[in-house]
Amino acid sequence: MHCRPIHFWCVVLPAVDIGRVCLKTQGREKGNKCVIIDVIDRNFVVVTGPEVRRRRANMDHLMLLDETVEIQRNASDEEVTSILK
Protein backbone atom coordinates (compact mmCIF):
# COMPACT_ATOMS: atom_id res chain seq x y z
CA MET A 1 0.00 0.00 0.00
CA HIS A 2 1.41 3.38 -1.02
CA CYS A 3 1.13 6.20 1.53
CA ARG A 4 1.24 9.84 0.52
CA PRO A 5 2.70 12.43 2.89
CA ILE A 6 0.24 14.84 4.45
CA HIS A 7 1.18 18.50 4.25
CA PHE A 8 -0.19 20.98 6.73
CA TRP A 9 -0.14 24.60 5.57
CA CYS A 10 -0.01 27.34 8.15
CA VAL A 11 -2.08 30.34 7.17
CA VAL A 12 -1.49 33.54 9.14
CA LEU A 13 -4.59 35.73 9.21
CA PRO A 14 -4.63 39.39 10.23
CA ALA A 15 -6.17 40.07 13.63
CA VAL A 16 -9.74 41.32 13.81
CA ASP A 17 -9.33 44.51 15.82
CA ILE A 18 -10.42 48.12 15.80
CA GLY A 19 -8.60 50.05 13.09
CA ARG A 20 -8.08 47.07 10.75
CA VAL A 21 -8.60 48.06 7.11
CA CYS A 22 -10.84 45.68 5.14
CA LEU A 23 -12.20 45.20 1.67
CA LYS A 24 -15.92 44.48 1.22
CA THR A 25 -16.38 41.30 -0.83
CA GLN A 26 -20.18 41.09 -0.96
CA GLY A 27 -23.13 43.38 -1.55
CA ARG A 28 -23.55 46.73 -3.26
CA GLU A 29 -20.38 48.11 -1.61
CA LYS A 30 -18.26 45.24 -2.96
CA GLY A 31 -14.67 46.28 -3.70
CA ASN A 32 -14.65 49.31 -1.38
CA LYS A 33 -12.23 49.81 1.51
CA CYS A 34 -13.54 50.21 5.03
CA VAL A 35 -12.27 50.18 8.62
CA ILE A 36 -13.45 48.11 11.57
CA ILE A 37 -14.63 50.52 14.26
CA ASP A 38 -16.24 48.04 16.67
CA VAL A 39 -16.30 44.27 17.21
CA ILE A 40 -19.76 42.87 18.05
CA ASP A 41 -18.86 39.19 18.28
CA ARG A 42 -16.76 36.66 16.39
CA ASN A 43 -19.05 36.84 13.33
CA PHE A 44 -19.98 40.53 13.12
CA VAL A 45 -18.19 43.89 13.23
CA VAL A 46 -19.19 47.51 12.63
CA VAL A 47 -17.45 49.08 9.62
CA THR A 48 -17.39 52.45 7.92
CA GLY A 49 -15.41 54.09 5.13
CA PRO A 50 -15.39 56.76 2.45
CA GLU A 51 -17.74 54.79 0.17
CA VAL A 52 -19.15 52.42 2.83
CA ARG A 53 -22.04 53.34 5.11
CA ARG A 54 -21.58 52.70 8.83
CA ARG A 55 -23.17 49.32 9.39
CA ARG A 56 -22.85 45.88 10.90
CA ALA A 57 -20.98 43.53 8.58
CA ASN A 58 -20.59 39.78 8.53
CA MET A 59 -16.93 38.71 8.77
CA ASP A 60 -17.52 36.31 5.87
CA HIS A 61 -18.20 39.35 3.66
CA LEU A 62 -14.91 41.11 4.46
CA MET A 63 -11.34 40.53 3.35
CA LEU A 64 -8.97 41.71 6.08
CA LEU A 65 -5.93 43.61 4.84
CA ASP A 66 -2.53 43.84 6.54
CA GLU A 67 -3.00 47.59 6.92
CA THR A 68 -4.21 49.23 10.17
CA VAL A 69 -5.02 52.79 11.17
CA GLU A 70 -4.96 54.46 14.59
CA ILE A 71 -8.57 55.25 15.51
CA GLN A 72 -10.71 55.12 18.62
CA ARG A 73 -13.61 52.72 19.09
CA ASN A 74 -16.77 54.09 17.37
CA ALA A 75 -14.81 56.82 15.57
CA SER A 76 -16.88 59.20 13.46
CA ASP A 77 -17.33 58.70 9.73
CA GLU A 78 -15.43 61.94 9.08
CA GLU A 79 -12.38 60.72 11.04
CA VAL A 80 -12.25 57.43 9.16
CA THR A 81 -12.77 59.12 5.78
CA SER A 82 -9.97 61.63 6.41
CA ILE A 83 -7.58 58.83 7.41
CA LEU A 84 -8.34 56.58 4.40
CA LYS A 85 -8.23 59.31 1.73
PDB file of N, CA and C in Angstrom:
ATOM      1  N   MET A   1       0.846  -1.171   0.000  1.00  0.00           N
ATOM      2  CA  MET A   1       0.000   0.000   0.000  1.00  0.00           C
ATOM      3  C   MET A   1       0.897   1.242   0.000  1.00  0.00           C
ATOM      4  N   HIS A   2       0.604   2.164  -0.887  1.00  0.00           N
ATOM      5  CA  HIS A   2       1.410   3.377  -1.017  1.00  0.00           C
ATOM      6  C   HIS A   2       0.798   4.500  -0.175  1.00  0.00           C
ATOM      7  N   CYS A   3       1.607   5.107   0.675  1.00  0.00           N
ATOM      8  CA  CYS A   3       1.130   6.203   1.533  1.00  0.00           C
ATOM      9  C   CYS A   3       1.674   7.525   1.020  1.00  0.00           C
ATOM     10  N   ARG A   4       0.805   8.505   0.934  1.00  0.00           N
ATOM     11  CA  ARG A   4       1.239   9.836   0.523  1.00  0.00           C
ATOM     12  C   ARG A   4       1.459  10.689   1.755  1.00  0.00           C
ATOM     13  N   PRO A   5       2.486  11.549   1.734  1.00  0.00           N
ATOM     14  CA  PRO A   5       2.703  12.429   2.894  1.00  0.00           C
ATOM     15  C   PRO A   5       1.588  13.458   2.997  1.00  0.00           C
ATOM     16  N   ILE A   6       1.257  13.827   4.199  1.00  0.00           N
ATOM     17  CA  ILE A   6       0.236  14.838   4.451  1.00  0.00           C
ATOM     18  C   ILE A   6       0.940  16.152   4.762  1.00  0.00           C
ATOM     19  N   HIS A   7       0.573  17.178   4.041  1.00  0.00           N
ATOM     20  CA  HIS A   7       1.179  18.500   4.247  1.00  0.00           C
ATOM     21  C   HIS A   7       0.184  19.397   4.970  1.00  0.00           C
ATOM     22  N   PHE A   8       0.642  20.034   6.014  1.00  0.00           N
ATOM     23  CA  PHE A   8      -0.193  20.984   6.734  1.00  0.00           C
ATOM     24  C   PHE A   8       0.331  22.383   6.430  1.00  0.00           C
ATOM     25  N   TRP A   9      -0.519  23.234   5.909  1.00  0.00           N
ATOM     26  CA  TRP A   9      -0.137  24.601   5.573  1.00  0.00           C
ATOM     27  C   TRP A   9      -0.583  25.521   6.692  1.00  0.00           C
ATOM     28  N   CYS A  10       0.306  26.368   7.098  1.00  0.00           N
ATOM     29  CA  CYS A  10      -0.010  27.337   8.147  1.00  0.00           C
ATOM     30  C   CYS A  10      -0.396  28.649   7.483  1.00  0.00           C
ATOM     31  N   VAL A  11      -1.595  29.089   7.739  1.00  0.00           N
ATOM     32  CA  VAL A  11      -2.076  30.344   7.173  1.00  0.00           C
ATOM     33  C   VAL A  11      -2.164  31.363   8.297  1.00  0.00           C
ATOM     34  N   VAL A  12      -1.469  32.487   8.146  1.00  0.00           N
ATOM     35  CA  VAL A  12      -1.493  33.541   9.145  1.00  0.00           C
ATOM     36  C   VAL A  12      -2.510  34.582   8.706  1.00  0.00           C
ATOM     37  N   LEU A  13      -3.543  34.769   9.520  1.00  0.00           N
ATOM     38  CA  LEU A  13      -4.590  35.732   9.208  1.00  0.00           C
ATOM     39  C   LEU A  13      -4.393  37.002  10.027  1.00  0.00           C
ATOM     40  N   PRO A  14      -4.696  38.157   9.454  1.00  0.00           N
ATOM     41  CA  PRO A  14      -4.626  39.395  10.233  1.00  0.00           C
ATOM     42  C   PRO A  14      -5.636  39.365  11.383  1.00  0.00           C
ATOM     43  N   ALA A  15      -5.296  40.023  12.459  1.00  0.00           N
ATOM     44  CA  ALA A  15      -6.167  40.066  13.628  1.00  0.00           C
ATOM     45  C   ALA A  15      -7.390  40.940  13.356  1.00  0.00           C
ATOM     46  N   VAL A  16      -8.514  40.525  13.912  1.00  0.00           N
ATOM     47  CA  VAL A  16      -9.743  41.319  13.812  1.00  0.00           C
ATOM     48  C   VAL A  16      -9.733  42.272  14.991  1.00  0.00           C
ATOM     49  N   ASP A  17      -9.371  43.519  14.748  1.00  0.00           N
ATOM     50  CA  ASP A  17      -9.328  44.507  15.819  1.00  0.00           C
ATOM     51  C   ASP A  17      -9.738  45.865  15.279  1.00  0.00           C
ATOM     52  N   ILE A  18      -9.992  46.776  16.178  1.00  0.00           N
ATOM     53  CA  ILE A  18     -10.420  48.123  15.797  1.00  0.00           C
ATOM     54  C   ILE A  18      -9.282  48.822  15.067  1.00  0.00           C
ATOM     55  N   GLY A  19      -9.600  49.371  13.909  1.00  0.00           N
ATOM     56  CA  GLY A  19      -8.599  50.045  13.091  1.00  0.00           C
ATOM     57  C   GLY A  19      -8.095  49.195  11.933  1.00  0.00           C
ATOM     58  N   ARG A  20      -8.504  47.947  11.848  1.00  0.00           N
ATOM     59  CA  ARG A  20      -8.080  47.074  10.748  1.00  0.00           C
ATOM     60  C   ARG A  20      -8.790  47.498   9.469  1.00  0.00           C
ATOM     61  N   VAL A  21      -8.030  47.684   8.399  1.00  0.00           N
ATOM     62  CA  VAL A  21      -8.596  48.056   7.108  1.00  0.00           C
ATOM     63  C   VAL A  21      -9.048  46.781   6.395  1.00  0.00           C
ATOM     64  N   CYS A  22     -10.236  46.835   5.800  1.00  0.00           N
ATOM     65  CA  CYS A  22     -10.843  45.675   5.139  1.00  0.00           C
ATOM     66  C   CYS A  22     -11.307  46.056   3.743  1.00  0.00           C
ATOM     67  N   LEU A  23     -11.618  45.036   2.981  1.00  0.00           N
ATOM     68  CA  LEU A  23     -12.204  45.205   1.666  1.00  0.00           C
ATOM     69  C   LEU A  23     -13.530  44.460   1.666  1.00  0.00           C
ATOM     70  N   LYS A  24     -14.615  45.136   1.285  1.00  0.00           N
ATOM     71  CA  LYS A  24     -15.925  44.485   1.218  1.00  0.00           C
ATOM     72  C   LYS A  24     -15.919  43.524   0.024  1.00  0.00           C
ATOM     73  N   THR A  25     -16.379  42.298   0.237  1.00  0.00           N
ATOM     74  CA  THR A  25     -16.378  41.298  -0.831  1.00  0.00           C
ATOM     75  C   THR A  25     -17.781  40.901  -1.282  1.00  0.00           C
ATOM     76  N   GLN A  26     -18.804  41.418  -0.616  1.00  0.00           N
ATOM     77  CA  GLN A  26     -20.182  41.086  -0.960  1.00  0.00           C
ATOM     78  C   GLN A  26     -21.044  42.346  -0.916  1.00  0.00           C
ATOM     79  N   GLY A  27     -22.153  42.306  -1.619  1.00  0.00           N
ATOM     80  CA  GLY A  27     -23.132  43.385  -1.545  1.00  0.00           C
ATOM     81  C   GLY A  27     -22.854  44.539  -2.489  1.00  0.00           C
ATOM     82  N   ARG A  28     -23.653  45.586  -2.346  1.00  0.00           N
ATOM     83  CA  ARG A  28     -23.554  46.730  -3.260  1.00  0.00           C
ATOM     84  C   ARG A  28     -22.284  47.536  -3.051  1.00  0.00           C
ATOM     85  N   GLU A  29     -21.632  47.388  -1.893  1.00  0.00           N
ATOM     86  CA  GLU A  29     -20.383  48.108  -1.611  1.00  0.00           C
ATOM     87  C   GLU A  29     -19.154  47.255  -1.898  1.00  0.00           C
ATOM     88  N   LYS A  30     -19.333  46.175  -2.623  1.00  0.00           N
ATOM     89  CA  LYS A  30     -18.262  45.235  -2.957  1.00  0.00           C
ATOM     90  C   LYS A  30     -17.087  45.961  -3.614  1.00  0.00           C
ATOM     91  N   GLY A  31     -15.874  45.684  -3.133  1.00  0.00           N
ATOM     92  CA  GLY A  31     -14.666  46.284  -3.701  1.00  0.00           C
ATOM     93  C   GLY A  31     -14.221  47.564  -3.018  1.00  0.00           C
ATOM     94  N   ASN A  32     -14.999  48.076  -2.065  1.00  0.00           N
ATOM     95  CA  ASN A  32     -14.650  49.314  -1.377  1.00  0.00           C
ATOM     96  C   ASN A  32     -13.916  49.034  -0.067  1.00  0.00           C
ATOM     97  N   LYS A  33     -12.970  49.929   0.254  1.00  0.00           N
ATOM     98  CA  LYS A  33     -12.233  49.807   1.511  1.00  0.00           C
ATOM     99  C   LYS A  33     -13.048  50.361   2.661  1.00  0.00           C
ATOM    100  N   CYS A  34     -12.883  49.739   3.824  1.00  0.00           N
ATOM    101  CA  CYS A  34     -13.544  50.209   5.031  1.00  0.00           C
ATOM    102  C   CYS A  34     -12.656  49.880   6.225  1.00  0.00           C
ATOM    103  N   VAL A  35     -13.039  50.383   7.398  1.00  0.00           N
ATOM    104  CA  VAL A  35     -12.268  50.181   8.624  1.00  0.00           C
ATOM    105  C   VAL A  35     -13.199  49.610   9.687  1.00  0.00           C
ATOM    106  N   ILE A  36     -12.688  48.645  10.453  1.00  0.00           N
ATOM    107  CA  ILE A  36     -13.451  48.106  11.575  1.00  0.00           C
ATOM    108  C   ILE A  36     -13.407  49.122  12.708  1.00  0.00           C
ATOM    109  N   ILE A  37     -14.589  49.552  13.170  1.00  0.00           N
ATOM    110  CA  ILE A  37     -14.625  50.524  14.265  1.00  0.00           C
ATOM    111  C   ILE A  37     -15.199  49.947  15.549  1.00  0.00           C
ATOM    112  N   ASP A  38     -15.759  48.721  15.465  1.00  0.00           N
ATOM    113  CA  ASP A  38     -16.243  48.044  16.667  1.00  0.00           C
ATOM    114  C   ASP A  38     -16.393  46.561  16.359  1.00  0.00           C
ATOM    115  N   VAL A  39     -16.136  45.718  17.351  1.00  0.00           N
ATOM    116  CA  VAL A  39     -16.303  44.271  17.211  1.00  0.00           C
ATOM    117  C   VAL A  39     -17.527  43.864  18.032  1.00  0.00           C
ATOM    118  N   ILE A  40     -18.522  43.291  17.370  1.00  0.00           N
ATOM    119  CA  ILE A  40     -19.755  42.873  18.048  1.00  0.00           C
ATOM    120  C   ILE A  40     -19.566  41.487  18.645  1.00  0.00           C
ATOM    121  N   ASP A  41     -19.194  40.535  17.829  1.00  0.00           N
ATOM    122  CA  ASP A  41     -18.864  39.185  18.282  1.00  0.00           C
ATOM    123  C   ASP A  41     -17.938  38.563  17.250  1.00  0.00           C
ATOM    124  N   ARG A  42     -17.735  37.248  17.299  1.00  0.00           N
ATOM    125  CA  ARG A  42     -16.763  36.657  16.386  1.00  0.00           C
ATOM    126  C   ARG A  42     -17.242  36.606  14.944  1.00  0.00           C
ATOM    127  N   ASN A  43     -18.514  36.866  14.690  1.00  0.00           N
ATOM    128  CA  ASN A  43     -19.050  36.835  13.332  1.00  0.00           C
ATOM    129  C   ASN A  43     -19.374  38.206  12.747  1.00  0.00           C
ATOM    130  N   PHE A  44     -19.544  39.216  13.597  1.00  0.00           N
ATOM    131  CA  PHE A  44     -19.978  40.525  13.116  1.00  0.00           C
ATOM    132  C   PHE A  44     -19.128  41.658  13.680  1.00  0.00           C
ATOM    133  N   VAL A  45     -18.899  42.672  12.832  1.00  0.00           N
ATOM    134  CA  VAL A  45     -18.187  43.886  13.231  1.00  0.00           C
ATOM    135  C   VAL A  45     -18.954  45.084  12.682  1.00  0.00           C
ATOM    136  N   VAL A  46     -18.634  46.274  13.178  1.00  0.00           N
ATOM    137  CA  VAL A  46     -19.191  47.509  12.629  1.00  0.00           C
ATOM    138  C   VAL A  46     -18.097  48.153  11.786  1.00  0.00           C
ATOM    139  N   VAL A  47     -18.423  48.485  10.541  1.00  0.00           N
ATOM    140  CA  VAL A  47     -17.449  49.077   9.622  1.00  0.00           C
ATOM    141  C   VAL A  47     -17.977  50.398   9.088  1.00  0.00           C
ATOM    142  N   THR A  48     -17.052  51.212   8.625  1.00  0.00           N
ATOM    143  CA  THR A  48     -17.393  52.447   7.915  1.00  0.00           C
ATOM    144  C   THR A  48     -16.221  52.810   7.022  1.00  0.00           C
ATOM    145  N   GLY A  49     -16.468  53.661   6.047  1.00  0.00           N
ATOM    146  CA  GLY A  49     -15.412  54.086   5.134  1.00  0.00           C
ATOM    147  C   GLY A  49     -15.902  55.179   4.219  1.00  0.00           C
ATOM    148  N   PRO A  50     -15.015  55.664   3.347  1.00  0.00           N
ATOM    149  CA  PRO A  50     -15.390  56.759   2.448  1.00  0.00           C
ATOM    150  C   PRO A  50     -16.587  56.418   1.545  1.00  0.00           C
ATOM    151  N   GLU A  51     -16.640  55.184   1.055  1.00  0.00           N
ATOM    152  CA  GLU A  51     -17.739  54.787   0.174  1.00  0.00           C
ATOM    153  C   GLU A  51     -18.564  53.659   0.790  1.00  0.00           C
ATOM    154  N   VAL A  52     -18.421  53.468   2.116  1.00  0.00           N
ATOM    155  CA  VAL A  52     -19.150  52.419   2.829  1.00  0.00           C
ATOM    156  C   VAL A  52     -19.918  53.058   3.976  1.00  0.00           C
ATOM    157  N   ARG A  53     -21.229  52.820   4.009  1.00  0.00           N
ATOM    158  CA  ARG A  53     -22.040  53.343   5.110  1.00  0.00           C
ATOM    159  C   ARG A  53     -21.703  52.618   6.398  1.00  0.00           C
ATOM    160  N   ARG A  54     -21.803  53.316   7.519  1.00  0.00           N
ATOM    161  CA  ARG A  54     -21.583  52.696   8.825  1.00  0.00           C
ATOM    162  C   ARG A  54     -22.665  51.643   9.027  1.00  0.00           C
ATOM    163  N   ARG A  55     -22.220  50.407   9.220  1.00  0.00           N
ATOM    164  CA  ARG A  55     -23.167  49.316   9.385  1.00  0.00           C
ATOM    165  C   ARG A  55     -22.495  48.084   9.953  1.00  0.00           C
ATOM    166  N   ARG A  56     -23.330  47.170  10.436  1.00  0.00           N
ATOM    167  CA  ARG A  56     -22.848  45.884  10.904  1.00  0.00           C
ATOM    168  C   ARG A  56     -22.518  45.036   9.678  1.00  0.00           C
ATOM    169  N   ALA A  57     -21.382  44.354   9.718  1.00  0.00           N
ATOM    170  CA  ALA A  57     -20.979  43.534   8.583  1.00  0.00           C
ATOM    171  C   ALA A  57     -20.595  42.137   9.057  1.00  0.00           C
ATOM    172  N   ASN A  58     -20.957  41.155   8.268  1.00  0.00           N
ATOM    173  CA  ASN A  58     -20.588  39.777   8.528  1.00  0.00           C
ATOM    174  C   ASN A  58     -19.114  39.597   8.178  1.00  0.00           C
ATOM    175  N   MET A  59     -18.353  38.920   9.020  1.00  0.00           N
ATOM    176  CA  MET A  59     -16.928  38.706   8.772  1.00  0.00           C
ATOM    177  C   MET A  59     -16.682  37.910   7.495  1.00  0.00           C
ATOM    178  N   ASP A  60     -17.659  37.079   7.102  1.00  0.00           N
ATOM    179  CA  ASP A  60     -17.519  36.306   5.866  1.00  0.00           C
ATOM    180  C   ASP A  60     -17.592  37.196   4.630  1.00  0.00           C
ATOM    181  N   HIS A  61     -18.062  38.425   4.780  1.00  0.00           N
ATOM    182  CA  HIS A  61     -18.197  39.351   3.656  1.00  0.00           C
ATOM    183  C   HIS A  61     -17.085  40.383   3.612  1.00  0.00           C
ATOM    184  N   LEU A  62     -16.038  40.186   4.412  1.00  0.00           N
ATOM    185  CA  LEU A  62     -14.906  41.106   4.464  1.00  0.00           C
ATOM    186  C   LEU A  62     -13.605  40.373   4.186  1.00  0.00           C
ATOM    187  N   MET A  63     -12.688  41.042   3.505  1.00  0.00           N
ATOM    188  CA  MET A  63     -11.336  40.527   3.348  1.00  0.00           C
ATOM    189  C   MET A  63     -10.428  41.447   4.164  1.00  0.00           C
ATOM    190  N   LEU A  64      -9.831  40.909   5.223  1.00  0.00           N
ATOM    191  CA  LEU A  64      -8.971  41.714   6.084  1.00  0.00           C
ATOM    192  C   LEU A  64      -7.649  41.980   5.393  1.00  0.00           C
ATOM    193  N   LEU A  65      -7.210  43.226   5.427  1.00  0.00           N
ATOM    194  CA  LEU A  65      -5.930  43.606   4.840  1.00  0.00           C
ATOM    195  C   LEU A  65      -4.884  43.713   5.941  1.00  0.00           C
ATOM    196  N   ASP A  66      -3.610  43.740   5.566  1.00  0.00           N
ATOM    197  CA  ASP A  66      -2.526  43.842   6.541  1.00  0.00           C
ATOM    198  C   ASP A  66      -2.409  45.240   7.132  1.00  0.00           C
ATOM    199  N   GLU A  67      -3.082  46.177   6.547  1.00  0.00           N
ATOM    200  CA  GLU A  67      -3.001  47.590   6.924  1.00  0.00           C
ATOM    201  C   GLU A  67      -3.883  47.901   8.136  1.00  0.00           C
ATOM    202  N   THR A  68      -3.404  48.747   9.037  1.00  0.00           N
ATOM    203  CA  THR A  68      -4.211  49.226  10.170  1.00  0.00           C
ATOM    204  C   THR A  68      -4.077  50.738  10.269  1.00  0.00           C
ATOM    205  N   VAL A  69      -5.063  51.352  10.916  1.00  0.00           N
ATOM    206  CA  VAL A  69      -5.022  52.795  11.169  1.00  0.00           C
ATOM    207  C   VAL A  69      -5.292  53.023  12.648  1.00  0.00           C
ATOM    208  N   GLU A  70      -4.770  54.111  13.172  1.00  0.00           N
ATOM    209  CA  GLU A  70      -4.964  54.459  14.585  1.00  0.00           C
ATOM    210  C   GLU A  70      -6.258  55.246  14.742  1.00  0.00           C
ATOM    211  N   ILE A  71      -7.305  54.576  15.242  1.00  0.00           N
ATOM    212  CA  ILE A  71      -8.573  55.249  15.511  1.00  0.00           C
ATOM    213  C   ILE A  71      -9.127  54.746  16.833  1.00  0.00           C
ATOM    214  N   GLN A  72     -10.029  55.508  17.385  1.00  0.00           N
ATOM    215  CA  GLN A  72     -10.713  55.118  18.617  1.00  0.00           C
ATOM    216  C   GLN A  72     -11.928  54.268  18.274  1.00  0.00           C
ATOM    217  N   ARG A  73     -12.402  53.508  19.253  1.00  0.00           N
ATOM    218  CA  ARG A  73     -13.614  52.717  19.086  1.00  0.00           C
ATOM    219  C   ARG A  73     -14.783  53.658  18.780  1.00  0.00           C
ATOM    220  N   ASN A  74     -15.619  53.292  17.819  1.00  0.00           N
ATOM    221  CA  ASN A  74     -16.770  54.087  17.366  1.00  0.00           C
ATOM    222  C   ASN A  74     -16.365  55.470  16.871  1.00  0.00           C
ATOM    223  N   ALA A  75     -15.259  55.553  16.156  1.00  0.00           N
ATOM    224  CA  ALA A  75     -14.813  56.820  15.572  1.00  0.00           C
ATOM    225  C   ALA A  75     -15.864  57.319  14.582  1.00  0.00           C
ATOM    226  N   SER A  76     -15.892  58.622  14.381  1.00  0.00           N
ATOM    227  CA  SER A  76     -16.882  59.197  13.464  1.00  0.00           C
ATOM    228  C   SER A  76     -16.527  58.865  12.012  1.00  0.00           C
ATOM    229  N   ASP A  77     -17.539  58.958  11.147  1.00  0.00           N
ATOM    230  CA  ASP A  77     -17.326  58.701   9.728  1.00  0.00           C
ATOM    231  C   ASP A  77     -16.320  59.682   9.138  1.00  0.00           C
ATOM    232  N   GLU A  78     -16.346  60.920   9.594  1.00  0.00           N
ATOM    233  CA  GLU A  78     -15.427  61.939   9.084  1.00  0.00           C
ATOM    234  C   GLU A  78     -13.978  61.599   9.425  1.00  0.00           C
ATOM    235  N   GLU A  79     -13.735  61.110  10.649  1.00  0.00           N
ATOM    236  CA  GLU A  79     -12.377  60.723  11.043  1.00  0.00           C
ATOM    237  C   GLU A  79     -11.841  59.599  10.169  1.00  0.00           C
ATOM    238  N   VAL A  80     -12.666  58.581   9.967  1.00  0.00           N
ATOM    239  CA  VAL A  80     -12.248  57.426   9.160  1.00  0.00           C
ATOM    240  C   VAL A  80     -12.020  57.846   7.718  1.00  0.00           C
ATOM    241  N   THR A  81     -12.907  58.664   7.157  1.00  0.00           N
ATOM    242  CA  THR A  81     -12.769  59.119   5.776  1.00  0.00           C
ATOM    243  C   THR A  81     -11.494  59.926   5.593  1.00  0.00           C
ATOM    244  N   SER A  82     -11.184  60.805   6.542  1.00  0.00           N
ATOM    245  CA  SER A  82      -9.973  61.625   6.408  1.00  0.00           C
ATOM    246  C   SER A  82      -8.707  60.769   6.509  1.00  0.00           C
ATOM    247  N   ILE A  83      -8.743  59.698   7.275  1.00  0.00           N
ATOM    248  CA  ILE A  83      -7.580  58.833   7.408  1.00  0.00           C
ATOM    249  C   ILE A  83      -7.370  57.981   6.154  1.00  0.00           C
ATOM    250  N   LEU A  84      -8.450  57.466   5.565  1.00  0.00           N
ATOM    251  CA  LEU A  84      -8.337  56.578   4.404  1.00  0.00           C
ATOM    252  C   LEU A  84      -8.078  57.313   3.103  1.00  0.00           C
ATOM    253  N   LYS A  85      -8.429  58.582   2.996  1.00  0.00           N
ATOM    254  CA  LYS A  85      -8.229  59.313   1.729  1.00  0.00           C
ATOM    255  C   LYS A  85      -6.855  59.875   1.621  1.00  0.00           C
TER     256      LYS A  85
END
